[in-house]
Amino acid sequence: MNIRGVILEGYSNAGKTSLLKAIKQSQALDESAELSVVILGEHYSQILNNVQGEFVRLSRDQHLELLRNRVGMLKNLNDWAAYLGPGKRKSRGLFFILERFHLNHRVAFSDSDDVEITSIEHDLIKFGAKCLLLTISDDIAEERIKSRNPEAWINKSREEIDLACKELIDTQNSLRIQASKSMVPTIEINTDNKEWDKYAGLIMEDNDFA
């Protein structure tokens, strides 16, 4: 089976988009890497979506079905490669990147039965998936939150800022808890230093992954 991939999980300010770009670049520069690449950003897998200008939150069942569809797409592509027969990783292999996937679901529906999401995770494991949980240190939460859009925070009260920091920290802790319950192998990466190329290089050079 010549399929492998990474799943990027983490709070909005943890650096998922920055790392995704770095992984794309690292993979593209690898002469032996797969020519076929599937990258699905969070808009193809998250729970809360902007639909025609209005925010719509998927139910648990709707989100499970969405995740199944995305995993099914990977299965169909892998089945086609298997049908074609043996080949080199570069020509027949498939590399994928998913964002906000199974852990996002587990956190949002943590009080629900996890049998169905566990089944999805088993399929992800079959496809060589590894989860990268991006986190930041508690003491730089405020700095990271403000860095994305500094102007938006100028007139915010101390209470609003503290509340946003608490939400970030609480969400990270919830993601850690759910990662420990997940079947998908998870690596936590602290992104305080924003060394995206370094993180991507370590991920792509991981012997267990490559």
N, C-alpha and C. Protein backbone atom coordinates (compact mmCIF):
# COMPACT_ATOMS: atom_id res chain seq x y z
N MET A 1 0.84 -1.19 0.00
CA MET A 1 0.00 0.00 0.00
C MET A 1 0.88 1.25 0.00
N ASN A 2 0.80 2.04 -1.05
CA ASN A 2 1.64 3.23 -1.18
C ASN A 2 0.87 4.50 -0.86
N ILE A 3 0.25 4.53 0.29
CA ILE A 3 -0.49 5.71 0.71
C ILE A 3 -0.04 6.10 2.11
N ARG A 4 0.11 7.36 2.34
CA ARG A 4 0.49 7.87 3.65
C ARG A 4 0.00 9.30 3.76
N GLY A 5 -0.07 9.81 4.99
CA GLY A 5 -0.52 11.18 5.13
C GLY A 5 -0.45 11.68 6.55
N VAL A 6 -0.71 12.97 6.69
CA VAL A 6 -0.72 13.61 8.00
C VAL A 6 -2.03 14.33 8.20
N ILE A 7 -2.43 14.40 9.46
CA ILE A 7 -3.64 15.12 9.85
C ILE A 7 -3.22 16.22 10.81
N LEU A 8 -3.53 17.46 10.47
CA LEU A 8 -3.15 18.60 11.29
C LEU A 8 -4.31 18.99 12.19
N GLU A 9 -4.07 18.94 13.48
CA GLU A 9 -5.08 19.32 14.46
C GLU A 9 -4.50 20.40 15.38
N GLY A 10 -5.39 21.20 15.96
CA GLY A 10 -4.93 22.24 16.87
C GLY A 10 -5.87 23.43 16.85
N TYR A 11 -5.68 24.32 17.81
CA TYR A 11 -6.52 25.52 17.89
C TYR A 11 -6.19 26.45 16.72
N SER A 12 -7.07 27.41 16.48
CA SER A 12 -6.94 28.30 15.33
C SER A 12 -5.60 29.01 15.23
N ASN A 13 -4.99 29.31 16.36
CA ASN A 13 -3.74 30.08 16.35
C ASN A 13 -2.49 29.23 16.52
N ALA A 14 -2.64 27.92 16.40
CA ALA A 14 -1.50 27.04 16.67
C ALA A 14 -0.53 26.92 15.50
N GLY A 15 -0.96 27.31 14.29
CA GLY A 15 -0.05 27.28 13.15
C GLY A 15 -0.31 26.20 12.12
N LYS A 16 -1.54 25.70 12.06
CA LYS A 16 -1.84 24.62 11.12
C LYS A 16 -1.59 25.02 9.66
N THR A 17 -2.06 26.21 9.30
CA THR A 17 -1.89 26.66 7.91
C THR A 17 -0.42 26.86 7.56
N SER A 18 0.34 27.42 8.48
CA SER A 18 1.77 27.65 8.24
C SER A 18 2.52 26.33 8.08
N LEU A 19 2.19 25.35 8.92
CA LEU A 19 2.86 24.05 8.82
C LEU A 19 2.42 23.31 7.57
N LEU A 20 1.15 23.45 7.21
CA LEU A 20 0.66 22.81 6.00
C LEU A 20 1.46 23.28 4.79
N LYS A 21 1.69 24.58 4.70
CA LYS A 21 2.47 25.13 3.59
C LYS A 21 3.90 24.58 3.60
N ALA A 22 4.49 24.48 4.78
CA ALA A 22 5.86 23.99 4.89
C ALA A 22 5.96 22.51 4.50
N ILE A 23 4.96 21.72 4.89
CA ILE A 23 4.95 20.30 4.53
C ILE A 23 4.81 20.14 3.02
N LYS A 24 3.93 20.94 2.43
CA LYS A 24 3.76 20.91 0.98
C LYS A 24 5.08 21.17 0.27
N GLN A 25 5.80 22.17 0.75
CA GLN A 25 7.07 22.53 0.12
C GLN A 25 8.11 21.43 0.31
N SER A 26 8.17 20.87 1.53
CA SER A 26 9.13 19.81 1.82
C SER A 26 8.87 18.59 0.95
N GLN A 27 7.61 18.23 0.82
CA GLN A 27 7.24 17.07 0.02
C GLN A 27 7.55 17.29 -1.46
N ALA A 28 7.32 18.52 -1.92
CA ALA A 28 7.56 18.84 -3.32
C ALA A 28 9.04 18.80 -3.68
N LEU A 29 9.90 19.09 -2.71
CA LEU A 29 11.34 19.13 -2.96
C LEU A 29 11.99 17.75 -2.88
N ASP A 30 11.24 16.77 -2.37
CA ASP A 30 11.76 15.41 -2.25
C ASP A 30 11.63 14.69 -3.59
N GLU A 31 12.75 14.38 -4.21
CA GLU A 31 12.75 13.78 -5.55
C GLU A 31 12.10 12.40 -5.58
N SER A 32 12.07 11.72 -4.43
CA SER A 32 11.49 10.37 -4.40
C SER A 32 10.05 10.36 -3.91
N ALA A 33 9.53 11.54 -3.58
CA ALA A 33 8.18 11.62 -3.00
C ALA A 33 7.10 11.39 -4.05
N GLU A 34 5.91 11.16 -3.55
CA GLU A 34 4.76 10.89 -4.40
C GLU A 34 4.44 12.09 -5.32
N LEU A 35 4.09 11.78 -6.56
CA LEU A 35 3.65 12.83 -7.47
C LEU A 35 2.19 13.17 -7.25
N SER A 36 1.44 12.22 -6.71
CA SER A 36 0.02 12.44 -6.44
C SER A 36 -0.18 12.88 -5.00
N VAL A 37 -0.75 14.07 -4.84
CA VAL A 37 -0.93 14.65 -3.51
C VAL A 37 -2.36 15.15 -3.36
N VAL A 38 -2.98 14.83 -2.23
CA VAL A 38 -4.33 15.31 -1.91
C VAL A 38 -4.24 16.16 -0.66
N ILE A 39 -4.66 17.42 -0.75
CA ILE A 39 -4.64 18.32 0.40
C ILE A 39 -6.03 18.89 0.60
N LEU A 40 -6.60 18.62 1.77
CA LEU A 40 -7.92 19.13 2.11
C LEU A 40 -7.81 20.02 3.33
N GLY A 41 -8.03 21.32 3.14
CA GLY A 41 -8.01 22.25 4.26
C GLY A 41 -9.24 22.07 5.14
N GLU A 42 -9.27 22.84 6.21
CA GLU A 42 -10.33 22.67 7.22
C GLU A 42 -11.73 22.91 6.68
N HIS A 43 -11.87 23.67 5.60
CA HIS A 43 -13.20 23.96 5.06
C HIS A 43 -13.86 22.71 4.46
N TYR A 44 -13.08 21.67 4.28
CA TYR A 44 -13.62 20.42 3.75
C TYR A 44 -13.88 19.37 4.83
N SER A 45 -13.65 19.75 6.09
CA SER A 45 -13.80 18.73 7.15
C SER A 45 -14.25 19.28 8.50
N GLN A 46 -14.32 20.60 8.67
CA GLN A 46 -14.64 21.13 9.99
C GLN A 46 -16.14 21.12 10.27
N ILE A 47 -16.48 21.39 11.50
CA ILE A 47 -17.87 21.32 11.95
C ILE A 47 -18.63 22.61 11.70
N LEU A 48 -18.00 23.74 12.00
CA LEU A 48 -18.62 25.05 11.80
C LEU A 48 -18.17 25.64 10.47
N ASN A 49 -19.13 25.95 9.60
CA ASN A 49 -18.79 26.43 8.27
C ASN A 49 -19.57 27.69 7.91
N ASN A 50 -18.94 28.54 7.11
CA ASN A 50 -19.60 29.72 6.57
C ASN A 50 -20.27 29.31 5.27
N VAL A 51 -21.59 29.18 5.32
CA VAL A 51 -22.36 28.73 4.16
C VAL A 51 -23.16 29.90 3.61
N GLN A 52 -22.78 30.36 2.44
CA GLN A 52 -23.47 31.49 1.81
C GLN A 52 -23.62 32.69 2.75
N GLY A 53 -22.57 32.95 3.52
CA GLY A 53 -22.58 34.12 4.40
C GLY A 53 -23.14 33.89 5.78
N GLU A 54 -23.60 32.67 6.06
CA GLU A 54 -24.15 32.35 7.38
C GLU A 54 -23.39 31.17 7.98
N PHE A 55 -23.13 31.25 9.29
CA PHE A 55 -22.42 30.17 9.96
C PHE A 55 -23.38 29.02 10.26
N VAL A 56 -23.01 27.84 9.83
CA VAL A 56 -23.83 26.64 10.01
C VAL A 56 -22.98 25.58 10.70
N ARG A 57 -23.52 25.04 11.78
CA ARG A 57 -22.81 24.00 12.54
C ARG A 57 -23.41 22.64 12.22
N LEU A 58 -22.57 21.72 11.81
CA LEU A 58 -23.03 20.37 11.50
C LEU A 58 -23.37 19.61 12.78
N SER A 59 -24.36 18.75 12.68
CA SER A 59 -24.68 17.86 13.80
C SER A 59 -23.63 16.76 13.85
N ARG A 60 -23.67 15.97 14.91
CA ARG A 60 -22.72 14.87 15.04
C ARG A 60 -22.84 13.91 13.86
N ASP A 61 -24.06 13.51 13.53
CA ASP A 61 -24.26 12.57 12.43
C ASP A 61 -23.82 13.16 11.09
N GLN A 62 -24.10 14.44 10.89
CA GLN A 62 -23.70 15.09 9.65
C GLN A 62 -22.18 15.14 9.52
N HIS A 63 -21.51 15.42 10.63
CA HIS A 63 -20.06 15.50 10.58
C HIS A 63 -19.43 14.13 10.38
N LEU A 64 -19.98 13.12 11.01
CA LEU A 64 -19.49 11.76 10.80
C LEU A 64 -19.60 11.37 9.33
N GLU A 65 -20.72 11.71 8.72
CA GLU A 65 -20.93 11.39 7.31
C GLU A 65 -19.93 12.15 6.44
N LEU A 66 -19.66 13.40 6.80
CA LEU A 66 -18.68 14.19 6.06
C LEU A 66 -17.30 13.54 6.12
N LEU A 67 -16.89 13.13 7.33
CA LEU A 67 -15.58 12.49 7.49
C LEU A 67 -15.53 11.16 6.73
N ARG A 68 -16.61 10.41 6.78
CA ARG A 68 -16.65 9.14 6.04
C ARG A 68 -16.47 9.38 4.54
N ASN A 69 -17.10 10.42 4.04
CA ASN A 69 -16.98 10.74 2.62
C ASN A 69 -15.54 11.07 2.24
N ARG A 70 -14.88 11.83 3.10
CA ARG A 70 -13.49 12.21 2.81
C ARG A 70 -12.57 10.98 2.86
N VAL A 71 -12.78 10.13 3.85
CA VAL A 71 -11.98 8.90 3.96
C VAL A 71 -12.29 7.97 2.79
N GLY A 72 -13.56 7.94 2.40
CA GLY A 72 -13.96 7.12 1.26
C GLY A 72 -13.27 7.55 -0.02
N MET A 73 -13.07 8.86 -0.17
CA MET A 73 -12.35 9.38 -1.33
C MET A 73 -10.93 8.84 -1.37
N LEU A 74 -10.26 8.85 -0.20
CA LEU A 74 -8.90 8.32 -0.13
C LEU A 74 -8.88 6.82 -0.45
N LYS A 75 -9.88 6.11 0.05
CA LYS A 75 -9.96 4.67 -0.21
C LYS A 75 -10.11 4.39 -1.70
N ASN A 76 -10.96 5.17 -2.36
CA ASN A 76 -11.16 4.96 -3.80
C ASN A 76 -9.87 5.19 -4.58
N LEU A 77 -9.13 6.22 -4.20
CA LEU A 77 -7.87 6.50 -4.88
C LEU A 77 -6.85 5.39 -4.63
N ASN A 78 -6.81 4.91 -3.38
CA ASN A 78 -5.88 3.83 -3.05
C ASN A 78 -6.26 2.53 -3.74
N ASP A 79 -7.56 2.27 -3.83
CA ASP A 79 -8.03 1.07 -4.52
C ASP A 79 -7.63 1.10 -5.99
N TRP A 80 -7.67 2.28 -6.59
CA TRP A 80 -7.29 2.40 -8.00
C TRP A 80 -5.80 2.08 -8.17
N ALA A 81 -4.98 2.60 -7.26
CA ALA A 81 -3.54 2.33 -7.32
C ALA A 81 -3.28 0.83 -7.16
N ALA A 82 -4.04 0.19 -6.26
CA ALA A 82 -3.88 -1.25 -6.05
C ALA A 82 -4.30 -2.03 -7.30
N TYR A 83 -5.34 -1.55 -7.95
CA TYR A 83 -5.82 -2.18 -9.18
C TYR A 83 -4.76 -2.11 -10.29
N LEU A 84 -4.04 -1.00 -10.35
CA LEU A 84 -3.01 -0.83 -11.38
C LEU A 84 -1.83 -1.77 -11.16
N GLY A 85 -1.63 -2.17 -9.91
CA GLY A 85 -0.55 -3.11 -9.62
C GLY A 85 0.65 -2.44 -8.99
N PRO A 86 1.68 -3.24 -8.66
CA PRO A 86 2.86 -2.72 -7.97
C PRO A 86 3.54 -1.61 -8.77
N GLY A 87 4.10 -0.68 -8.04
CA GLY A 87 4.82 0.42 -8.69
C GLY A 87 5.61 1.19 -7.66
N LYS A 88 6.47 2.07 -8.13
CA LYS A 88 7.26 2.88 -7.22
C LYS A 88 6.38 3.89 -6.49
N ARG A 89 6.84 4.28 -5.29
CA ARG A 89 6.08 5.23 -4.49
C ARG A 89 5.86 6.54 -5.26
N LYS A 90 6.88 6.95 -6.01
CA LYS A 90 6.78 8.23 -6.72
C LYS A 90 5.64 8.22 -7.73
N SER A 91 5.50 7.13 -8.46
CA SER A 91 4.50 7.08 -9.53
C SER A 91 3.13 6.59 -9.06
N ARG A 92 3.10 5.62 -8.14
CA ARG A 92 1.83 5.03 -7.72
C ARG A 92 1.41 5.48 -6.32
N GLY A 93 2.32 6.11 -5.60
CA GLY A 93 2.00 6.48 -4.23
C GLY A 93 1.06 7.67 -4.14
N LEU A 94 0.47 7.82 -2.97
CA LEU A 94 -0.43 8.94 -2.70
C LEU A 94 -0.10 9.53 -1.34
N PHE A 95 0.11 10.83 -1.31
CA PHE A 95 0.37 11.54 -0.06
C PHE A 95 -0.79 12.49 0.20
N PHE A 96 -1.31 12.47 1.44
CA PHE A 96 -2.44 13.34 1.74
C PHE A 96 -2.20 14.15 3.01
N ILE A 97 -2.84 15.31 3.05
CA ILE A 97 -2.85 16.16 4.23
C ILE A 97 -4.30 16.53 4.52
N LEU A 98 -4.73 16.27 5.74
CA LEU A 98 -6.07 16.63 6.19
C LEU A 98 -5.94 17.62 7.34
N GLU A 99 -6.93 18.49 7.48
CA GLU A 99 -6.88 19.49 8.54
C GLU A 99 -8.18 19.47 9.34
N ARG A 100 -8.06 19.57 10.66
CA ARG A 100 -9.22 19.54 11.55
C ARG A 100 -10.13 18.36 11.20
N PHE A 101 -9.76 17.20 11.66
CA PHE A 101 -10.46 16.00 11.24
C PHE A 101 -11.04 15.25 12.44
N HIS A 102 -10.43 14.12 12.80
CA HIS A 102 -11.03 13.26 13.82
C HIS A 102 -10.96 13.84 15.23
N LEU A 103 -9.85 14.51 15.59
CA LEU A 103 -9.77 15.09 16.94
C LEU A 103 -10.74 16.24 17.10
N ASN A 104 -10.91 17.01 16.06
CA ASN A 104 -11.89 18.09 16.08
C ASN A 104 -13.28 17.52 16.39
N HIS A 105 -13.59 16.38 15.79
CA HIS A 105 -14.88 15.73 16.04
C HIS A 105 -14.96 15.23 17.48
N ARG A 106 -13.91 14.58 17.94
CA ARG A 106 -13.92 14.03 19.29
C ARG A 106 -14.13 15.12 20.35
N VAL A 107 -13.48 16.26 20.17
CA VAL A 107 -13.62 17.34 21.14
C VAL A 107 -15.04 17.92 21.11
N ALA A 108 -15.56 18.13 19.92
CA ALA A 108 -16.89 18.73 19.78
C ALA A 108 -17.99 17.84 20.31
N PHE A 109 -17.80 16.53 20.21
CA PHE A 109 -18.84 15.59 20.63
C PHE A 109 -18.27 14.60 21.66
N SER A 110 -17.56 15.15 22.62
CA SER A 110 -16.86 14.32 23.61
C SER A 110 -17.80 13.53 24.52
N ASP A 111 -19.04 13.96 24.62
CA ASP A 111 -20.00 13.26 25.48
C ASP A 111 -20.73 12.14 24.75
N SER A 112 -20.45 11.99 23.47
CA SER A 112 -21.14 10.98 22.67
C SER A 112 -20.33 9.70 22.56
N ASP A 113 -20.99 8.64 22.14
CA ASP A 113 -20.33 7.36 21.90
C ASP A 113 -19.26 7.54 20.82
N ASP A 114 -18.08 6.95 21.03
CA ASP A 114 -16.99 7.15 20.07
C ASP A 114 -16.78 5.97 19.14
N VAL A 115 -17.74 5.04 19.10
CA VAL A 115 -17.59 3.85 18.26
C VAL A 115 -17.42 4.23 16.79
N GLU A 116 -18.24 5.16 16.32
CA GLU A 116 -18.21 5.51 14.90
C GLU A 116 -16.95 6.27 14.51
N ILE A 117 -16.52 7.21 15.34
CA ILE A 117 -15.29 7.94 15.01
C ILE A 117 -14.08 7.02 15.12
N THR A 118 -14.15 6.04 16.03
CA THR A 118 -13.06 5.06 16.14
C THR A 118 -12.96 4.23 14.87
N SER A 119 -14.11 3.90 14.28
CA SER A 119 -14.12 3.15 13.02
C SER A 119 -13.44 3.95 11.91
N ILE A 120 -13.71 5.24 11.87
CA ILE A 120 -13.07 6.12 10.88
C ILE A 120 -11.57 6.17 11.12
N GLU A 121 -11.19 6.22 12.39
CA GLU A 121 -9.76 6.25 12.74
C GLU A 121 -9.05 4.97 12.30
N HIS A 122 -9.72 3.84 12.40
CA HIS A 122 -9.13 2.58 11.94
C HIS A 122 -8.82 2.65 10.44
N ASP A 123 -9.73 3.25 9.68
CA ASP A 123 -9.49 3.41 8.25
C ASP A 123 -8.30 4.33 7.99
N LEU A 124 -8.21 5.41 8.78
CA LEU A 124 -7.09 6.34 8.62
C LEU A 124 -5.75 5.64 8.88
N ILE A 125 -5.74 4.76 9.88
CA ILE A 125 -4.52 4.02 10.20
C ILE A 125 -4.13 3.13 9.03
N LYS A 126 -5.12 2.50 8.39
CA LYS A 126 -4.84 1.65 7.23
C LYS A 126 -4.16 2.44 6.12
N PHE A 127 -4.46 3.73 6.07
CA PHE A 127 -3.89 4.59 5.03
C PHE A 127 -2.61 5.28 5.48
N GLY A 128 -2.04 4.80 6.58
CA GLY A 128 -0.75 5.33 7.03
C GLY A 128 -0.80 6.73 7.59
N ALA A 129 -1.93 7.10 8.19
CA ALA A 129 -2.08 8.46 8.71
C ALA A 129 -1.38 8.64 10.05
N LYS A 130 -0.79 9.80 10.22
CA LYS A 130 -0.28 10.24 11.51
C LYS A 130 -0.91 11.59 11.82
N CYS A 131 -1.24 11.79 13.09
CA CYS A 131 -1.84 13.05 13.51
C CYS A 131 -0.77 13.95 14.14
N LEU A 132 -0.77 15.20 13.75
CA LEU A 132 0.13 16.20 14.32
C LEU A 132 -0.72 17.20 15.10
N LEU A 133 -0.61 17.15 16.42
CA LEU A 133 -1.35 18.07 17.27
C LEU A 133 -0.47 19.27 17.57
N LEU A 134 -0.83 20.41 17.02
CA LEU A 134 -0.03 21.62 17.19
C LEU A 134 -0.52 22.39 18.41
N THR A 135 0.40 22.74 19.28
CA THR A 135 0.05 23.45 20.51
C THR A 135 1.03 24.60 20.74
N ILE A 136 0.64 25.50 21.64
CA ILE A 136 1.53 26.57 22.08
C ILE A 136 1.54 26.58 23.60
N SER A 137 2.56 27.19 24.17
CA SER A 137 2.66 27.29 25.63
C SER A 137 1.61 28.26 26.15
N ASP A 138 1.11 27.98 27.34
CA ASP A 138 0.06 28.82 27.92
C ASP A 138 0.48 30.27 28.02
N ASP A 139 1.74 30.51 28.33
CA ASP A 139 2.17 31.89 28.59
C ASP A 139 2.32 32.74 27.33
N ILE A 140 2.19 32.15 26.15
CA ILE A 140 2.23 32.98 24.95
C ILE A 140 0.87 32.99 24.22
N ALA A 141 -0.16 32.51 24.91
CA ALA A 141 -1.49 32.44 24.30
C ALA A 141 -1.96 33.82 23.82
N GLU A 142 -1.81 34.83 24.68
CA GLU A 142 -2.26 36.17 24.30
C GLU A 142 -1.50 36.69 23.09
N GLU A 143 -0.20 36.52 23.09
CA GLU A 143 0.63 36.98 21.97
C GLU A 143 0.21 36.32 20.67
N ARG A 144 -0.03 35.02 20.69
CA ARG A 144 -0.38 34.29 19.47
C ARG A 144 -1.77 34.68 18.98
N ILE A 145 -2.70 34.87 19.91
CA ILE A 145 -4.05 35.25 19.52
C ILE A 145 -4.05 36.61 18.82
N LYS A 146 -3.30 37.54 19.37
CA LYS A 146 -3.27 38.90 18.81
C LYS A 146 -2.49 38.98 17.50
N SER A 147 -1.58 38.04 17.28
CA SER A 147 -0.68 38.13 16.12
C SER A 147 -1.40 38.00 14.79
N ARG A 148 -2.50 37.28 14.76
CA ARG A 148 -3.21 37.07 13.49
C ARG A 148 -3.86 38.35 12.99
N ASN A 149 -4.48 39.11 13.89
CA ASN A 149 -5.18 40.34 13.50
C ASN A 149 -5.07 41.35 14.63
N PRO A 150 -3.91 42.00 14.77
CA PRO A 150 -3.65 42.91 15.90
C PRO A 150 -4.68 44.02 16.05
N GLU A 151 -5.15 44.58 14.93
CA GLU A 151 -6.10 45.69 14.99
C GLU A 151 -7.41 45.30 15.67
N ALA A 152 -7.80 44.05 15.50
CA ALA A 152 -9.07 43.60 16.06
C ALA A 152 -9.06 43.56 17.58
N TRP A 153 -7.85 43.57 18.18
CA TRP A 153 -7.74 43.43 19.64
C TRP A 153 -7.45 44.75 20.35
N ILE A 154 -7.29 45.82 19.60
CA ILE A 154 -6.91 47.10 20.20
C ILE A 154 -7.92 47.57 21.24
N ASN A 155 -9.19 47.46 20.93
CA ASN A 155 -10.23 47.96 21.82
C ASN A 155 -10.89 46.87 22.67
N LYS A 156 -10.30 45.70 22.69
CA LYS A 156 -10.85 44.62 23.50
C LYS A 156 -10.52 44.85 24.97
N SER A 157 -11.46 44.47 25.83
CA SER A 157 -11.24 44.60 27.28
C SER A 157 -10.32 43.50 27.77
N ARG A 158 -9.77 43.70 28.96
CA ARG A 158 -8.92 42.67 29.56
C ARG A 158 -9.71 41.38 29.76
N GLU A 159 -10.96 41.52 30.11
CA GLU A 159 -11.81 40.34 30.32
C GLU A 159 -11.98 39.54 29.03
N GLU A 160 -12.18 40.23 27.92
CA GLU A 160 -12.35 39.56 26.64
C GLU A 160 -11.08 38.84 26.22
N ILE A 161 -9.95 39.49 26.44
CA ILE A 161 -8.67 38.88 26.09
C ILE A 161 -8.40 37.64 26.93
N ASP A 162 -8.65 37.78 28.24
CA ASP A 162 -8.44 36.64 29.14
C ASP A 162 -9.35 35.47 28.78
N LEU A 163 -10.57 35.78 28.38
CA LEU A 163 -11.53 34.74 28.00
C LEU A 163 -11.06 34.00 26.75
N ALA A 164 -10.53 34.75 25.78
CA ALA A 164 -10.03 34.14 24.55
C ALA A 164 -8.83 33.24 24.84
N CYS A 165 -7.96 33.69 25.74
CA CYS A 165 -6.79 32.89 26.11
C CYS A 165 -7.22 31.61 26.81
N LYS A 166 -8.21 31.73 27.68
CA LYS A 166 -8.71 30.56 28.40
C LYS A 166 -9.32 29.55 27.43
N GLU A 167 -10.05 30.05 26.45
CA GLU A 167 -10.65 29.16 25.46
C GLU A 167 -9.58 28.39 24.69
N LEU A 168 -8.52 29.09 24.32
CA LEU A 168 -7.42 28.44 23.60
C LEU A 168 -6.79 27.35 24.46
N ILE A 169 -6.46 27.69 25.69
CA ILE A 169 -5.79 26.73 26.58
C ILE A 169 -6.69 25.54 26.89
N ASP A 170 -7.97 25.82 27.15
CA ASP A 170 -8.92 24.73 27.45
C ASP A 170 -9.08 23.80 26.24
N THR A 171 -9.15 24.40 25.06
CA THR A 171 -9.30 23.59 23.85
C THR A 171 -8.08 22.70 23.63
N GLN A 172 -6.89 23.27 23.85
CA GLN A 172 -5.67 22.47 23.71
C GLN A 172 -5.68 21.28 24.66
N ASN A 173 -6.10 21.51 25.89
CA ASN A 173 -6.14 20.42 26.86
C ASN A 173 -7.16 19.36 26.45
N SER A 174 -8.29 19.80 25.90
CA SER A 174 -9.30 18.85 25.43
C SER A 174 -8.76 18.03 24.26
N LEU A 175 -8.02 18.68 23.38
CA LEU A 175 -7.43 17.96 22.24
C LEU A 175 -6.42 16.92 22.72
N ARG A 176 -5.65 17.27 23.74
CA ARG A 176 -4.68 16.30 24.29
C ARG A 176 -5.41 15.08 24.86
N ILE A 177 -6.48 15.33 25.59
CA ILE A 177 -7.25 14.24 26.18
C ILE A 177 -7.80 13.32 25.09
N GLN A 178 -8.38 13.93 24.06
CA GLN A 178 -8.96 13.13 22.98
C GLN A 178 -7.90 12.42 22.15
N ALA A 179 -6.73 13.03 22.03
CA ALA A 179 -5.64 12.38 21.30
C ALA A 179 -5.21 11.09 22.00
N SER A 180 -5.28 11.10 23.33
CA SER A 180 -4.91 9.91 24.10
C SER A 180 -5.93 8.79 23.92
N LYS A 181 -7.14 9.14 23.51
CA LYS A 181 -8.19 8.14 23.29
C LYS A 181 -8.24 7.67 21.84
N SER A 182 -7.65 8.44 20.96
CA SER A 182 -7.72 8.15 19.53
C SER A 182 -6.83 6.98 19.14
N MET A 183 -7.24 6.27 18.09
CA MET A 183 -6.46 5.16 17.57
C MET A 183 -5.32 5.65 16.67
N VAL A 184 -5.44 6.85 16.15
CA VAL A 184 -4.44 7.38 15.22
C VAL A 184 -3.20 7.84 15.98
N PRO A 185 -2.01 7.37 15.61
CA PRO A 185 -0.78 7.82 16.27
C PRO A 185 -0.67 9.34 16.22
N THR A 186 -0.40 9.94 17.38
CA THR A 186 -0.38 11.41 17.46
C THR A 186 0.95 11.92 18.00
N ILE A 187 1.47 12.93 17.34
CA ILE A 187 2.68 13.61 17.79
C ILE A 187 2.30 15.04 18.14
N GLU A 188 2.59 15.47 19.37
CA GLU A 188 2.32 16.86 19.74
C GLU A 188 3.54 17.71 19.43
N ILE A 189 3.30 18.81 18.74
CA ILE A 189 4.38 19.72 18.36
C ILE A 189 4.11 21.10 18.95
N ASN A 190 5.03 21.57 19.80
CA ASN A 190 4.92 22.92 20.33
C ASN A 190 5.45 23.90 19.28
N THR A 191 4.62 24.85 18.88
CA THR A 191 4.98 25.76 17.79
C THR A 191 5.35 27.16 18.27
N ASP A 192 5.78 27.28 19.51
CA ASP A 192 6.13 28.60 20.06
C ASP A 192 7.13 29.34 19.18
N ASN A 193 8.10 28.62 18.64
CA ASN A 193 9.18 29.26 17.89
C ASN A 193 8.87 29.46 16.40
N LYS A 194 7.74 28.96 15.97
CA LYS A 194 7.29 29.14 14.58
C LYS A 194 8.33 28.68 13.56
N GLU A 195 9.01 27.59 13.85
CA GLU A 195 10.03 27.06 12.93
C GLU A 195 9.39 26.04 11.98
N TRP A 196 8.56 26.54 11.10
CA TRP A 196 7.71 25.68 10.28
C TRP A 196 8.52 24.73 9.40
N ASP A 197 9.56 25.23 8.76
CA ASP A 197 10.38 24.38 7.89
C ASP A 197 11.07 23.27 8.69
N LYS A 198 11.51 23.60 9.89
CA LYS A 198 12.15 22.61 10.75
C LYS A 198 11.15 21.53 11.14
N TYR A 199 9.95 21.94 11.56
CA TYR A 199 8.92 20.96 11.95
C TYR A 199 8.59 20.06 10.76
N ALA A 200 8.41 20.67 9.60
CA ALA A 200 8.05 19.89 8.40
C ALA A 200 9.15 18.89 8.05
N GLY A 201 10.40 19.33 8.15
CA GLY A 201 11.51 18.44 7.85
C GLY A 201 11.57 17.25 8.77
N LEU A 202 11.36 17.49 10.06
CA LEU A 202 11.38 16.40 11.03
C LEU A 202 10.25 15.41 10.76
N ILE A 203 9.10 15.94 10.39
CA ILE A 203 7.94 15.10 10.11
C ILE A 203 8.19 14.22 8.89
N MET A 204 8.67 14.82 7.82
CA MET A 204 8.87 14.08 6.58
C MET A 204 10.05 13.11 6.65
N GLU A 205 11.00 13.39 7.54
CA GLU A 205 12.16 12.51 7.69
C GLU A 205 11.95 11.42 8.72
N ASP A 206 10.81 11.46 9.40
CA ASP A 206 10.51 10.46 10.43
C ASP A 206 10.57 9.08 9.80
N ASN A 207 11.43 8.21 10.31
CA ASN A 207 11.59 6.88 9.73
C ASN A 207 10.30 6.07 9.74
N ASP A 208 9.53 6.21 10.82
CA ASP A 208 8.27 5.47 10.90
C ASP A 208 7.28 5.97 9.85
N PHE A 209 7.43 7.25 9.51
CA PHE A 209 6.49 7.85 8.56
C PHE A 209 6.90 7.59 7.12
N ALA A 210 8.18 7.81 6.85
CA ALA A 210 8.66 7.65 5.47
C ALA A 210 8.69 6.19 5.05
